[in-house]
C-alpha cells in the first residue's frame, strides 16, 4: 500500500498545471520566480517547496483555484468570470498573452511593495534637483540678456 503524502499530491497538481499550460518547467519556474530546476527537482525527488512559491503560483495564474492547488478539492480552473475573461480553452483561460500580462502585474506589484516608497523619494529628489537646475539656467539666460551679474564681494 502506497503512503499518502500530501506534499506529493501538491507536486502532482503543480505538474498538472505545467502540462495543462503546455509550458516547460523552466518557463514555469521563471514565471513564479523560482530558481532554475527548483520545481522539476522537487517533483523528481518528492521534496517540499516553499509557501512563497505556492503563493507566487496563485499570483501568476489567478485562474488556478487555490482550493484545488492546496487541498486537491474542486476544479483546477476558477470561474473565468472571477478574473475577467469569459471563455476557457483546453489549456484553461490564461493564454500566453494573459500569462505575460499576469507576469508584468506580478513584477510591478512586487517592485511597488519592495521599492515603491524609496523610488517615490528618489523621484521627488530628482524633481527638486532639475527644478533648481532649470531655475539656474533661466537666471543665467536673464543675466546674458543685459541683466547685470550679481556683484561678488571679495573682502
N, C-alpha and C. Protein backbone atom coordinates (compact mmCIF):
# COMPACT_ATOMS: atom_id res chain seq x y z
N UNK A 1 0.84 -1.19 0.00
CA UNK A 1 0.00 0.00 0.00
C UNK A 1 0.88 1.24 0.00
N UNK A 2 0.61 2.21 -0.90
CA UNK A 2 1.40 3.42 -1.03
C UNK A 2 1.03 4.40 0.07
N UNK A 3 2.05 5.02 0.66
CA UNK A 3 1.81 6.04 1.68
C UNK A 3 1.19 7.27 1.04
N UNK A 4 0.21 7.86 1.71
CA UNK A 4 -0.39 9.09 1.24
C UNK A 4 0.50 10.24 1.68
N UNK A 5 0.97 11.01 0.73
CA UNK A 5 1.87 12.11 1.01
C UNK A 5 1.24 13.38 0.48
N UNK A 6 0.78 14.25 1.38
CA UNK A 6 0.12 15.49 0.98
C UNK A 6 1.01 16.32 0.05
N UNK A 7 2.29 16.41 0.38
CA UNK A 7 3.23 17.19 -0.43
C UNK A 7 3.31 16.62 -1.84
N UNK A 8 3.37 15.31 -1.94
CA UNK A 8 3.44 14.68 -3.25
C UNK A 8 2.22 15.03 -4.08
N UNK A 9 1.04 15.03 -3.48
CA UNK A 9 -0.15 15.35 -4.26
C UNK A 9 -0.14 16.82 -4.69
N UNK A 10 0.40 17.70 -3.87
CA UNK A 10 0.55 19.09 -4.27
C UNK A 10 1.48 19.18 -5.47
N UNK A 11 2.58 18.47 -5.41
CA UNK A 11 3.53 18.48 -6.52
C UNK A 11 2.91 17.89 -7.78
N UNK A 12 2.08 16.87 -7.63
CA UNK A 12 1.40 16.31 -8.79
C UNK A 12 0.46 17.33 -9.40
N UNK A 13 -0.19 18.13 -8.56
CA UNK A 13 -1.10 19.17 -9.07
C UNK A 13 -0.29 20.26 -9.80
N UNK A 14 0.86 20.60 -9.27
CA UNK A 14 1.72 21.57 -9.94
C UNK A 14 2.16 21.03 -11.30
N UNK A 15 2.52 19.76 -11.32
CA UNK A 15 2.90 19.13 -12.58
C UNK A 15 1.72 19.16 -13.57
N UNK A 16 0.52 18.98 -13.06
CA UNK A 16 -0.68 19.02 -13.91
C UNK A 16 -0.87 20.42 -14.50
N UNK A 17 -0.60 21.45 -13.70
CA UNK A 17 -0.70 22.83 -14.21
C UNK A 17 0.27 23.02 -15.36
N UNK A 18 1.50 22.58 -15.18
CA UNK A 18 2.53 22.73 -16.21
C UNK A 18 2.10 22.01 -17.49
N UNK A 19 1.57 20.80 -17.34
CA UNK A 19 1.12 20.04 -18.51
C UNK A 19 -0.07 20.73 -19.17
N UNK A 20 -1.05 21.18 -18.38
CA UNK A 20 -2.23 21.84 -18.94
C UNK A 20 -1.88 23.15 -19.63
N UNK A 21 -0.91 23.85 -19.11
CA UNK A 21 -0.49 25.12 -19.71
C UNK A 21 0.42 24.89 -20.91
N UNK A 22 0.87 23.64 -21.07
CA UNK A 22 1.74 23.27 -22.18
C UNK A 22 2.99 24.15 -22.22
N UNK A 23 3.62 24.29 -21.04
CA UNK A 23 4.85 25.06 -20.93
C UNK A 23 5.93 24.18 -20.32
N UNK A 24 7.16 24.61 -20.46
CA UNK A 24 8.27 23.84 -19.89
C UNK A 24 8.39 24.15 -18.39
N UNK A 25 9.08 23.27 -17.70
CA UNK A 25 9.35 23.51 -16.29
C UNK A 25 10.11 24.82 -16.13
N UNK A 26 11.05 25.07 -17.03
CA UNK A 26 11.86 26.28 -16.95
C UNK A 26 11.00 27.54 -17.07
N UNK A 27 10.09 27.57 -18.04
CA UNK A 27 9.21 28.74 -18.20
C UNK A 27 8.33 28.91 -16.96
N UNK A 28 7.85 27.80 -16.43
CA UNK A 28 7.02 27.86 -15.23
C UNK A 28 7.83 28.41 -14.06
N UNK A 29 9.05 27.92 -13.90
CA UNK A 29 9.91 28.38 -12.79
C UNK A 29 10.22 29.87 -12.92
N UNK A 30 10.48 30.32 -14.14
CA UNK A 30 10.72 31.74 -14.36
C UNK A 30 9.48 32.55 -14.00
N UNK A 31 8.33 32.07 -14.44
CA UNK A 31 7.08 32.79 -14.19
C UNK A 31 6.78 32.95 -12.70
N UNK A 32 7.13 31.96 -11.90
CA UNK A 32 6.81 32.04 -10.47
C UNK A 32 7.99 32.51 -9.63
N UNK A 33 9.09 32.88 -10.28
CA UNK A 33 10.23 33.41 -9.56
C UNK A 33 11.05 32.36 -8.84
N UNK A 34 11.03 31.14 -9.33
CA UNK A 34 11.81 30.05 -8.73
C UNK A 34 13.13 29.91 -9.45
N UNK A 35 14.13 29.44 -8.74
CA UNK A 35 15.42 29.17 -9.38
C UNK A 35 15.26 28.03 -10.38
N UNK A 36 16.13 28.05 -11.37
CA UNK A 36 16.08 27.02 -12.41
C UNK A 36 16.21 25.63 -11.77
N UNK A 37 15.30 24.75 -12.11
CA UNK A 37 15.34 23.37 -11.63
C UNK A 37 14.62 23.14 -10.31
N UNK A 38 14.16 24.19 -9.66
CA UNK A 38 13.53 24.03 -8.34
C UNK A 38 12.30 23.14 -8.39
N UNK A 39 11.41 23.41 -9.31
CA UNK A 39 10.15 22.65 -9.38
C UNK A 39 10.40 21.25 -9.93
N UNK A 40 11.14 21.16 -11.03
CA UNK A 40 11.38 19.83 -11.60
C UNK A 40 12.12 18.93 -10.61
N UNK A 41 13.06 19.49 -9.88
CA UNK A 41 13.80 18.71 -8.87
C UNK A 41 12.88 18.29 -7.73
N UNK A 42 12.02 19.20 -7.27
CA UNK A 42 11.08 18.87 -6.19
C UNK A 42 10.14 17.75 -6.62
N UNK A 43 9.66 17.80 -7.85
CA UNK A 43 8.77 16.74 -8.35
C UNK A 43 9.52 15.43 -8.47
N UNK A 44 10.71 15.49 -9.04
CA UNK A 44 11.51 14.28 -9.24
C UNK A 44 11.91 13.64 -7.90
N UNK A 45 12.28 14.46 -6.93
CA UNK A 45 12.77 13.95 -5.65
C UNK A 45 11.72 13.91 -4.55
N UNK A 46 10.50 14.36 -4.89
CA UNK A 46 9.39 14.40 -3.92
C UNK A 46 9.79 15.18 -2.66
N UNK A 47 10.27 16.40 -2.88
CA UNK A 47 10.67 17.26 -1.76
C UNK A 47 9.74 18.46 -1.64
N UNK A 48 9.83 19.12 -0.53
CA UNK A 48 8.97 20.28 -0.27
C UNK A 48 9.36 21.47 -1.12
N UNK A 49 8.37 22.30 -1.39
CA UNK A 49 8.64 23.62 -1.96
C UNK A 49 8.10 24.62 -0.95
N UNK A 50 8.63 25.81 -0.97
CA UNK A 50 8.23 26.82 0.00
C UNK A 50 6.86 27.42 -0.28
N UNK A 51 6.29 27.97 0.76
CA UNK A 51 4.98 28.61 0.64
C UNK A 51 5.05 29.83 -0.28
N UNK A 52 6.21 30.49 -0.33
CA UNK A 52 6.37 31.64 -1.22
C UNK A 52 6.12 31.23 -2.67
N UNK A 53 6.62 30.06 -3.06
CA UNK A 53 6.43 29.61 -4.44
C UNK A 53 4.97 29.26 -4.71
N UNK A 54 4.32 28.67 -3.72
CA UNK A 54 2.90 28.35 -3.88
C UNK A 54 2.10 29.64 -4.04
N UNK A 55 2.43 30.63 -3.22
CA UNK A 55 1.76 31.93 -3.31
C UNK A 55 2.02 32.56 -4.68
N UNK A 56 3.26 32.45 -5.17
CA UNK A 56 3.60 33.01 -6.48
C UNK A 56 2.83 32.31 -7.60
N UNK A 57 2.63 31.01 -7.48
CA UNK A 57 1.84 30.27 -8.48
C UNK A 57 0.44 30.87 -8.55
N UNK A 58 -0.15 31.09 -7.40
CA UNK A 58 -1.52 31.62 -7.37
C UNK A 58 -1.58 33.06 -7.86
N UNK A 59 -0.51 33.84 -7.66
CA UNK A 59 -0.47 35.21 -8.18
C UNK A 59 -0.28 35.21 -9.69
N UNK A 60 0.59 34.33 -10.18
CA UNK A 60 0.88 34.31 -11.61
C UNK A 60 -0.23 33.67 -12.43
N UNK A 61 -0.93 32.77 -11.83
CA UNK A 61 -2.00 32.05 -12.53
C UNK A 61 -3.30 32.20 -11.73
N UNK A 62 -3.90 33.39 -11.78
CA UNK A 62 -5.10 33.63 -10.98
C UNK A 62 -6.29 32.75 -11.38
N UNK A 63 -6.20 32.14 -12.55
CA UNK A 63 -7.29 31.26 -12.98
C UNK A 63 -7.23 29.91 -12.29
N UNK A 64 -6.12 29.60 -11.60
CA UNK A 64 -5.99 28.34 -10.86
C UNK A 64 -6.71 28.48 -9.53
N UNK A 65 -7.50 27.51 -9.19
CA UNK A 65 -8.21 27.51 -7.92
C UNK A 65 -7.24 27.22 -6.78
N UNK A 66 -7.18 28.12 -5.81
CA UNK A 66 -6.32 27.91 -4.64
C UNK A 66 -6.75 26.67 -3.87
N UNK A 67 -8.05 26.46 -3.77
CA UNK A 67 -8.57 25.28 -3.07
C UNK A 67 -8.09 24.00 -3.74
N UNK A 68 -8.12 24.01 -5.05
CA UNK A 68 -7.66 22.82 -5.79
C UNK A 68 -6.16 22.63 -5.61
N UNK A 69 -5.40 23.72 -5.77
CA UNK A 69 -3.95 23.60 -5.67
C UNK A 69 -3.51 23.14 -4.28
N UNK A 70 -4.06 23.75 -3.25
CA UNK A 70 -3.62 23.47 -1.89
C UNK A 70 -4.18 22.16 -1.33
N UNK A 71 -5.45 21.91 -1.62
CA UNK A 71 -6.09 20.75 -0.98
C UNK A 71 -6.53 19.67 -1.95
N UNK A 72 -6.49 19.97 -3.23
CA UNK A 72 -6.92 18.98 -4.22
C UNK A 72 -8.42 18.86 -4.31
N UNK A 73 -9.14 19.85 -3.83
CA UNK A 73 -10.60 19.82 -3.84
C UNK A 73 -11.16 20.80 -4.85
N UNK A 74 -12.23 20.41 -5.52
CA UNK A 74 -12.85 21.27 -6.50
C UNK A 74 -12.19 21.15 -7.86
N UNK A 75 -12.42 22.16 -8.70
CA UNK A 75 -11.91 22.18 -10.07
C UNK A 75 -10.58 22.92 -10.14
N UNK A 76 -9.76 22.54 -11.10
CA UNK A 76 -8.47 23.20 -11.29
C UNK A 76 -8.66 24.67 -11.67
N UNK A 77 -9.63 24.96 -12.55
CA UNK A 77 -9.83 26.32 -13.04
C UNK A 77 -10.91 27.02 -12.25
N UNK A 78 -10.62 28.23 -11.82
CA UNK A 78 -11.65 29.07 -11.20
C UNK A 78 -12.61 29.50 -12.28
N UNK A 79 -13.74 30.02 -11.85
CA UNK A 79 -14.71 30.55 -12.81
C UNK A 79 -14.03 31.63 -13.65
N UNK A 80 -14.13 31.57 -14.97
CA UNK A 80 -13.47 32.57 -15.80
C UNK A 80 -13.96 33.98 -15.52
N UNK A 81 -15.16 34.11 -15.00
CA UNK A 81 -15.70 35.43 -14.73
C UNK A 81 -15.07 36.06 -13.49
N UNK A 82 -14.41 35.25 -12.68
CA UNK A 82 -13.80 35.77 -11.45
C UNK A 82 -12.58 36.62 -11.74
N UNK A 83 -11.99 36.50 -12.92
CA UNK A 83 -10.80 37.30 -13.21
C UNK A 83 -10.87 37.96 -14.57
N UNK A 84 -12.08 38.09 -15.12
CA UNK A 84 -12.27 38.97 -16.25
C UNK A 84 -12.19 38.38 -17.64
N UNK A 85 -12.17 37.10 -17.81
CA UNK A 85 -12.22 36.54 -19.16
C UNK A 85 -13.41 35.60 -19.24
N UNK A 86 -14.09 35.61 -20.35
CA UNK A 86 -15.35 34.87 -20.43
C UNK A 86 -15.23 33.50 -21.06
N UNK A 87 -14.08 33.15 -21.62
CA UNK A 87 -14.02 31.84 -22.24
C UNK A 87 -12.79 31.07 -21.77
N UNK A 88 -12.98 29.81 -21.57
CA UNK A 88 -11.88 28.95 -21.13
C UNK A 88 -11.55 28.00 -22.26
N UNK A 89 -10.29 27.91 -22.59
CA UNK A 89 -9.85 26.99 -23.63
C UNK A 89 -9.43 25.67 -23.02
N UNK A 90 -8.88 24.79 -23.84
CA UNK A 90 -8.43 23.48 -23.36
C UNK A 90 -7.32 23.62 -22.33
N UNK A 91 -6.50 24.66 -22.46
CA UNK A 91 -5.41 24.88 -21.51
C UNK A 91 -5.80 25.85 -20.41
N UNK A 92 -7.09 26.01 -20.19
CA UNK A 92 -7.53 26.96 -19.17
C UNK A 92 -7.65 28.34 -19.79
N UNK A 93 -8.15 29.26 -19.03
CA UNK A 93 -8.42 30.58 -19.56
C UNK A 93 -7.19 31.40 -19.93
N UNK A 94 -6.09 31.24 -19.22
CA UNK A 94 -4.95 32.11 -19.47
C UNK A 94 -4.10 31.59 -20.62
N UNK A 95 -4.08 32.34 -21.69
CA UNK A 95 -3.21 32.02 -22.81
C UNK A 95 -1.91 32.78 -22.63
N UNK A 96 -0.98 32.64 -23.56
CA UNK A 96 0.36 33.21 -23.39
C UNK A 96 0.33 34.70 -23.13
N UNK A 97 -0.46 35.45 -23.88
CA UNK A 97 -0.55 36.90 -23.68
C UNK A 97 -1.05 37.26 -22.29
N UNK A 98 -2.01 36.49 -21.81
CA UNK A 98 -2.53 36.74 -20.47
C UNK A 98 -1.49 36.39 -19.41
N UNK A 99 -0.69 35.36 -19.66
CA UNK A 99 0.37 34.99 -18.72
C UNK A 99 1.40 36.10 -18.64
N UNK A 100 1.78 36.66 -19.80
CA UNK A 100 2.74 37.75 -19.82
C UNK A 100 2.18 38.93 -19.05
N UNK A 101 0.92 39.26 -19.31
CA UNK A 101 0.28 40.36 -18.60
C UNK A 101 0.25 40.08 -17.10
N UNK A 102 -0.04 38.87 -16.74
CA UNK A 102 -0.06 38.48 -15.34
C UNK A 102 1.33 38.60 -14.73
N UNK A 103 2.36 38.21 -15.49
CA UNK A 103 3.74 38.33 -15.02
C UNK A 103 4.10 39.78 -14.80
N UNK A 104 3.71 40.64 -15.75
CA UNK A 104 4.01 42.07 -15.62
C UNK A 104 3.37 42.64 -14.36
N UNK A 105 2.12 42.28 -14.13
CA UNK A 105 1.43 42.77 -12.93
C UNK A 105 2.12 42.29 -11.66
N UNK A 106 2.53 41.04 -11.67
CA UNK A 106 3.21 40.47 -10.52
C UNK A 106 4.52 41.19 -10.26
N UNK A 107 5.31 41.40 -11.31
CA UNK A 107 6.61 42.07 -11.16
C UNK A 107 6.40 43.50 -10.67
N UNK A 108 5.45 44.21 -11.28
CA UNK A 108 5.20 45.59 -10.87
C UNK A 108 4.72 45.67 -9.42
N UNK A 109 3.83 44.78 -9.03
CA UNK A 109 3.35 44.82 -7.64
C UNK A 109 4.47 44.45 -6.67
N UNK A 110 5.33 43.50 -7.06
CA UNK A 110 6.46 43.14 -6.20
C UNK A 110 7.41 44.33 -6.05
N UNK A 111 7.73 44.99 -7.15
CA UNK A 111 8.61 46.16 -7.09
C UNK A 111 7.96 47.26 -6.27
N UNK A 112 6.69 47.46 -6.45
CA UNK A 112 5.99 48.51 -5.69
C UNK A 112 6.06 48.22 -4.20
N UNK A 113 5.84 46.96 -3.81
CA UNK A 113 5.89 46.60 -2.40
C UNK A 113 7.29 46.81 -1.83
N UNK A 114 8.30 46.37 -2.57
CA UNK A 114 9.67 46.42 -2.06
C UNK A 114 10.32 47.79 -2.16
N UNK A 115 10.09 48.48 -3.29
CA UNK A 115 10.87 49.68 -3.57
C UNK A 115 10.02 50.92 -3.80
N UNK A 116 8.72 50.82 -3.67
CA UNK A 116 7.83 51.94 -4.01
C UNK A 116 8.15 53.22 -3.27
N UNK A 117 8.24 53.17 -1.94
CA UNK A 117 8.48 54.37 -1.15
C UNK A 117 9.85 54.96 -1.48
N UNK A 118 10.85 54.10 -1.61
CA UNK A 118 12.20 54.55 -1.93
C UNK A 118 12.23 55.23 -3.30
N UNK A 119 11.57 54.61 -4.29
CA UNK A 119 11.56 55.19 -5.64
C UNK A 119 10.80 56.51 -5.68
N UNK A 120 9.72 56.62 -4.92
CA UNK A 120 8.99 57.90 -4.87
C UNK A 120 9.87 58.99 -4.26
N UNK A 121 10.64 58.63 -3.22
CA UNK A 121 11.55 59.59 -2.61
C UNK A 121 12.63 60.05 -3.58
N UNK A 122 13.19 59.12 -4.33
CA UNK A 122 14.20 59.46 -5.33
C UNK A 122 13.60 60.35 -6.41
N UNK A 123 12.38 60.03 -6.82
CA UNK A 123 11.71 60.84 -7.84
C UNK A 123 11.53 62.28 -7.35
N UNK A 124 11.12 62.45 -6.10
CA UNK A 124 10.95 63.79 -5.54
C UNK A 124 12.28 64.54 -5.50
N UNK A 125 13.35 63.84 -5.11
CA UNK A 125 14.67 64.48 -5.06
C UNK A 125 15.11 64.91 -6.46
N UNK A 126 14.86 64.05 -7.45
CA UNK A 126 15.21 64.39 -8.82
C UNK A 126 14.40 65.59 -9.33
N UNK A 127 13.13 65.63 -9.00
CA UNK A 127 12.30 66.76 -9.43
C UNK A 127 12.83 68.06 -8.84
N UNK A 128 13.20 68.05 -7.57
CA UNK A 128 13.76 69.25 -6.93
C UNK A 128 15.07 69.63 -7.59
N UNK A 129 15.93 68.65 -7.82
CA UNK A 129 17.23 68.90 -8.45
C UNK A 129 17.05 69.55 -9.82
N UNK A 130 16.19 68.97 -10.65
CA UNK A 130 16.03 69.50 -12.00
C UNK A 130 15.31 70.85 -12.00
N UNK A 131 14.40 71.06 -11.07
CA UNK A 131 13.76 72.37 -10.95
C UNK A 131 14.81 73.43 -10.62
N UNK A 132 15.70 73.11 -9.69
CA UNK A 132 16.78 74.04 -9.33
C UNK A 132 17.68 74.31 -10.52
N UNK A 133 18.03 73.27 -11.28
CA UNK A 133 18.88 73.44 -12.47
C UNK A 133 18.19 74.32 -13.50
N UNK A 134 16.89 74.12 -13.70
CA UNK A 134 16.15 74.95 -14.65
C UNK A 134 16.13 76.40 -14.20
N UNK A 135 15.91 76.61 -12.90
CA UNK A 135 15.91 77.98 -12.37
C UNK A 135 17.27 78.64 -12.56
N UNK A 136 18.35 77.90 -12.32
CA UNK A 136 19.70 78.42 -12.52
C UNK A 136 19.92 78.78 -13.99
N UNK A 137 19.44 77.93 -14.87
CA UNK A 137 19.58 78.19 -16.31
C UNK A 137 18.82 79.43 -16.72
N UNK A 138 17.61 79.60 -16.18
CA UNK A 138 16.82 80.79 -16.51
C UNK A 138 17.50 82.06 -16.00
N UNK A 139 18.04 81.98 -14.79
CA UNK A 139 18.74 83.15 -14.24
C UNK A 139 19.97 83.48 -15.08
N UNK A 140 20.69 82.46 -15.53
CA UNK A 140 21.89 82.68 -16.35
C UNK A 140 21.50 83.31 -17.69
N UNK A 141 20.40 82.87 -18.30
CA UNK A 141 19.95 83.44 -19.57
C UNK A 141 19.53 84.90 -19.39
N UNK A 142 18.90 85.19 -18.26
CA UNK A 142 18.49 86.57 -18.00
C UNK A 142 19.71 87.47 -17.83
N UNK A 143 20.73 86.95 -17.16
CA UNK A 143 21.97 87.73 -17.00
C UNK A 143 22.62 87.97 -18.35
N UNK A 144 22.53 87.01 -19.22
CA UNK A 144 23.13 87.13 -20.55
C UNK A 144 22.40 88.11 -21.44
N UNK A 145 21.17 88.48 -21.11
CA UNK A 145 20.37 89.39 -21.93
C UNK A 145 20.49 90.83 -21.43
N UNK A 146 21.57 91.13 -20.73
CA UNK A 146 21.76 92.51 -20.31
C UNK A 146 21.53 92.74 -18.84
N UNK A 147 21.02 91.80 -18.15
CA UNK A 147 20.84 92.00 -16.71
C UNK A 147 22.21 91.97 -16.07
N UNK A 148 22.46 92.87 -15.15
CA UNK A 148 23.79 92.90 -14.53
C UNK A 148 24.03 91.64 -13.71
N UNK A 149 25.24 91.17 -13.77
CA UNK A 149 25.62 89.98 -13.00
C UNK A 149 25.71 90.37 -11.54
N UNK A 150 25.36 89.49 -10.67
CA UNK A 150 25.45 89.84 -9.24
C UNK A 150 26.91 90.10 -8.89
N UNK A 151 27.08 91.14 -8.08
CA UNK A 151 28.46 91.51 -7.72
C UNK A 151 29.01 90.52 -6.71
N UNK A 152 30.28 90.28 -6.87
CA UNK A 152 30.95 89.39 -5.94
C UNK A 152 31.79 90.25 -5.02
N UNK A 153 31.51 90.19 -3.78
CA UNK A 153 32.23 90.97 -2.80
C UNK A 153 33.44 90.16 -2.33
N UNK A 154 34.61 90.64 -2.68
CA UNK A 154 35.81 89.95 -2.30
C UNK A 154 36.44 90.74 -1.17
N UNK A 155 36.20 90.33 0.01
CA UNK A 155 36.74 91.03 1.16
C UNK A 155 37.88 90.33 1.80
